Amino acid sequence: MPEHRYDWVAIGGTFDRLHKGHKVLLSRAFELGNNVLVGLTTQSMITHKPDWELIAPYEERAAKLRHWMESEGYKGRFTIEPLCDPYGPAITEEKLQLIVVSEETYTRAVEINEIRQQRGLPILDIAVLTMVLAEDKTSISSTRIRAGIIDQDGQLEYRDRST
């Protein structure tokens, strides 16, 4: 196993319709750290999202995430923990050293560091990744996948959703 700069890295999200953008983010977390703590949003956290009722249940998302990480060779290097609030273990786990976020979620990482500092915990380094673009040069997102606009690799899917 190559040497990694960090022992523990944090990453969080809903990870619905596990797509290319998610995989880039997760892969980067494993490149930077020996171990990755993945915060996975619970059902109670998703009701504000568009089409939240179409988001897969927590256990299904966790199973797909676990399967993908293990198939990529990351078995034994990750922990999946439920996110019941926007911050999860990132504001309590002393062992964390880095948080990996997208441009879209950078401000959440800053908030997490402010809370950690107030609690006397060391602040986390922040790795910000550029959003992965779909074929139409717009960000790949689970919302767009659920709508049938793109597939999980960002390819355009012109489906007739009226049927």
Protein backbone atom coordinates (compact mmCIF):
# COMPACT_ATOMS: atom_id res chain seq x y z
CA MET A 1 0.00 0.00 0.00
CA PRO A 2 1.45 3.42 -0.91
CA GLU A 3 2.22 5.96 1.77
CA HIS A 4 -0.64 8.38 2.36
CA ARG A 5 -0.37 11.85 3.79
CA TYR A 6 -3.26 11.42 6.25
CA ASP A 7 -4.24 8.57 8.52
CA TRP A 8 -7.97 9.48 8.67
CA VAL A 9 -9.95 11.33 6.01
CA ALA A 10 -13.62 12.34 6.21
CA ILE A 11 -16.13 12.52 3.37
CA GLY A 12 -19.89 12.79 3.51
CA GLY A 13 -22.95 12.75 1.33
CA THR A 14 -26.14 11.07 0.26
CA PHE A 15 -24.44 8.95 -2.41
CA ASP A 16 -27.71 8.20 -4.18
CA ARG A 17 -27.34 6.81 -7.71
CA LEU A 18 -23.60 6.34 -7.08
CA HIS A 19 -22.15 8.23 -10.04
CA LYS A 20 -18.88 9.27 -11.63
CA GLY A 21 -18.63 12.42 -9.48
CA HIS A 22 -19.07 10.43 -6.28
CA LYS A 23 -16.47 7.91 -7.42
CA VAL A 24 -13.91 10.65 -8.19
CA LEU A 25 -14.49 12.20 -4.76
CA LEU A 26 -14.22 8.86 -2.95
CA SER A 27 -11.16 7.78 -4.93
CA ARG A 28 -9.41 11.04 -4.04
CA ALA A 29 -10.18 10.49 -0.36
CA PHE A 30 -8.53 7.06 -0.55
CA GLU A 31 -5.54 8.48 -2.44
CA LEU A 32 -4.97 11.01 0.33
CA GLY A 33 -5.68 8.82 3.34
CA ASN A 34 -5.02 5.43 4.82
CA ASN A 35 -8.56 5.27 6.22
CA VAL A 36 -11.76 7.00 5.15
CA LEU A 37 -14.73 7.75 7.37
CA VAL A 38 -17.76 8.04 5.08
CA GLY A 39 -20.72 9.90 6.54
CA LEU A 40 -23.88 8.71 4.78
CA THR A 41 -27.02 10.80 5.14
CA THR A 42 -29.96 9.09 6.80
CA GLN A 43 -33.54 9.17 5.54
CA SER A 44 -34.40 11.94 8.02
CA MET A 45 -31.74 14.15 6.42
CA ILE A 46 -32.97 13.90 2.82
CA THR A 47 -36.50 15.30 3.02
CA HIS A 48 -35.27 18.74 1.86
CA LYS A 49 -33.77 17.34 -1.35
CA PRO A 50 -35.60 17.50 -4.69
CA ASP A 51 -37.61 14.33 -5.30
CA TRP A 52 -36.46 13.02 -1.91
CA GLU A 53 -39.00 10.22 -2.06
CA LEU A 54 -37.10 8.81 -5.07
CA ILE A 55 -33.82 8.58 -3.14
CA ALA A 56 -32.89 5.00 -2.31
CA PRO A 57 -33.23 3.92 1.34
CA TYR A 58 -30.18 4.27 3.59
CA GLU A 59 -29.38 0.54 3.71
CA GLU A 60 -29.48 0.24 -0.08
CA ARG A 61 -27.19 3.25 -0.54
CA ALA A 62 -24.82 1.91 2.14
CA ALA A 63 -24.69 -1.52 0.48
CA LYS A 64 -23.93 -0.06 -2.97
CA LEU A 65 -21.30 2.25 -1.51
CA ARG A 66 -19.68 -0.61 0.42
CA HIS A 67 -19.74 -2.86 -2.66
CA TRP A 68 -18.11 -0.21 -4.87
CA MET A 69 -15.40 0.63 -2.32
CA GLU A 70 -14.57 -3.03 -1.79
CA SER A 71 -14.52 -3.71 -5.56
CA GLU A 72 -12.02 -0.86 -5.92
CA GLY A 73 -9.68 -2.51 -3.40
CA TYR A 74 -10.49 -0.31 -0.40
CA LYS A 75 -11.76 -3.14 1.83
CA GLY A 76 -10.64 -2.66 5.42
CA ARG A 77 -9.86 1.02 4.83
CA PHE A 78 -13.27 2.60 5.38
CA THR A 79 -16.04 3.03 7.89
CA ILE A 80 -19.57 4.09 6.95
CA GLU A 81 -21.39 6.06 9.63
CA PRO A 82 -24.93 7.49 9.49
CA LEU A 83 -25.22 11.26 9.15
CA CYS A 84 -28.18 12.42 11.21
CA ASP A 85 -27.21 16.09 10.98
CA PRO A 86 -25.18 18.16 8.50
CA TYR A 87 -21.90 17.64 10.41
CA GLY A 88 -21.87 14.10 11.74
CA PRO A 89 -18.66 12.70 13.20
CA ALA A 90 -16.59 15.41 11.49
CA ILE A 91 -17.24 17.69 14.48
CA THR A 92 -16.50 15.09 17.15
CA GLU A 93 -13.86 12.67 15.85
CA GLU A 94 -10.45 13.76 17.04
CA LYS A 95 -8.66 11.28 14.76
CA LEU A 96 -9.80 13.03 11.55
CA GLN A 97 -7.19 15.11 9.76
CA LEU A 98 -8.64 15.93 6.34
CA ILE A 99 -12.06 16.42 4.81
CA VAL A 100 -12.63 15.93 1.09
CA VAL A 101 -15.42 18.02 -0.44
CA SER A 102 -16.67 19.27 -3.78
CA GLU A 103 -16.80 22.96 -4.66
CA GLU A 104 -20.51 22.74 -3.88
CA THR A 105 -19.94 21.61 -0.27
CA TYR A 106 -16.82 23.65 0.60
CA THR A 107 -18.74 26.01 2.89
CA ARG A 108 -19.89 23.03 4.99
CA ALA A 109 -16.23 22.07 5.55
CA VAL A 110 -15.52 25.62 6.75
CA GLU A 111 -18.47 25.39 9.17
CA ILE A 112 -17.16 22.04 10.42
CA ASN A 113 -13.77 23.59 11.15
CA GLU A 114 -15.37 26.49 13.01
CA ILE A 115 -17.26 24.03 15.22
CA ARG A 116 -14.15 21.88 15.74
CA GLN A 117 -12.18 24.97 16.76
CA GLN A 118 -14.91 25.99 19.25
CA ARG A 119 -14.75 22.50 20.73
CA GLY A 120 -10.98 22.55 21.06
CA LEU A 121 -10.42 19.99 18.31
CA PRO A 122 -7.76 20.41 15.64
CA ILE A 123 -9.09 21.90 12.43
CA LEU A 124 -9.18 19.68 9.36
CA ASP A 125 -7.24 20.27 6.20
CA ILE A 126 -9.69 20.67 3.33
CA ALA A 127 -9.28 19.10 -0.12
CA VAL A 128 -11.67 20.70 -2.61
CA LEU A 129 -12.39 18.88 -5.86
CA THR A 130 -13.83 20.42 -8.99
CA MET A 131 -17.28 19.15 -9.90
CA VAL A 132 -17.24 16.37 -12.49
CA LEU A 133 -19.06 17.49 -15.60
CA ALA A 134 -21.55 15.57 -17.68
CA GLU A 135 -21.54 15.40 -21.46
CA ASP A 136 -23.52 18.67 -21.55
CA LYS A 137 -20.83 20.46 -19.47
CA THR A 138 -23.12 20.68 -16.44
CA SER A 139 -22.33 19.01 -13.12
CA ILE A 140 -23.20 15.35 -12.71
CA SER A 141 -25.75 15.05 -9.93
CA SER A 142 -28.07 12.41 -8.55
CA THR A 143 -30.97 14.82 -9.09
CA ARG A 144 -30.27 14.96 -12.83
CA ILE A 145 -29.85 11.18 -12.95
CA ARG A 146 -33.19 10.62 -11.17
CA ALA A 147 -34.81 13.02 -13.67
CA GLY A 148 -33.50 10.91 -16.57
CA ILE A 149 -31.39 13.75 -18.02
CA ILE A 150 -28.05 11.96 -17.67
CA ASP A 151 -26.80 8.54 -16.68
CA GLN A 152 -24.36 7.78 -13.87
CA ASP A 153 -21.39 8.47 -16.15
CA GLY A 154 -22.77 11.85 -17.22
CA GLN A 155 -23.94 10.77 -20.66
CA LEU A 156 -27.11 12.43 -21.87
CA GLU A 157 -30.20 10.25 -21.65
CA TYR A 158 -33.09 11.63 -23.59
CA ARG A 159 -35.91 9.57 -22.16
CA ASP A 160 -39.57 10.18 -22.70
CA ARG A 161 -40.63 10.72 -19.08
CA SER A 162 -44.27 11.26 -20.08
CA THR A 163 -44.95 7.52 -20.26
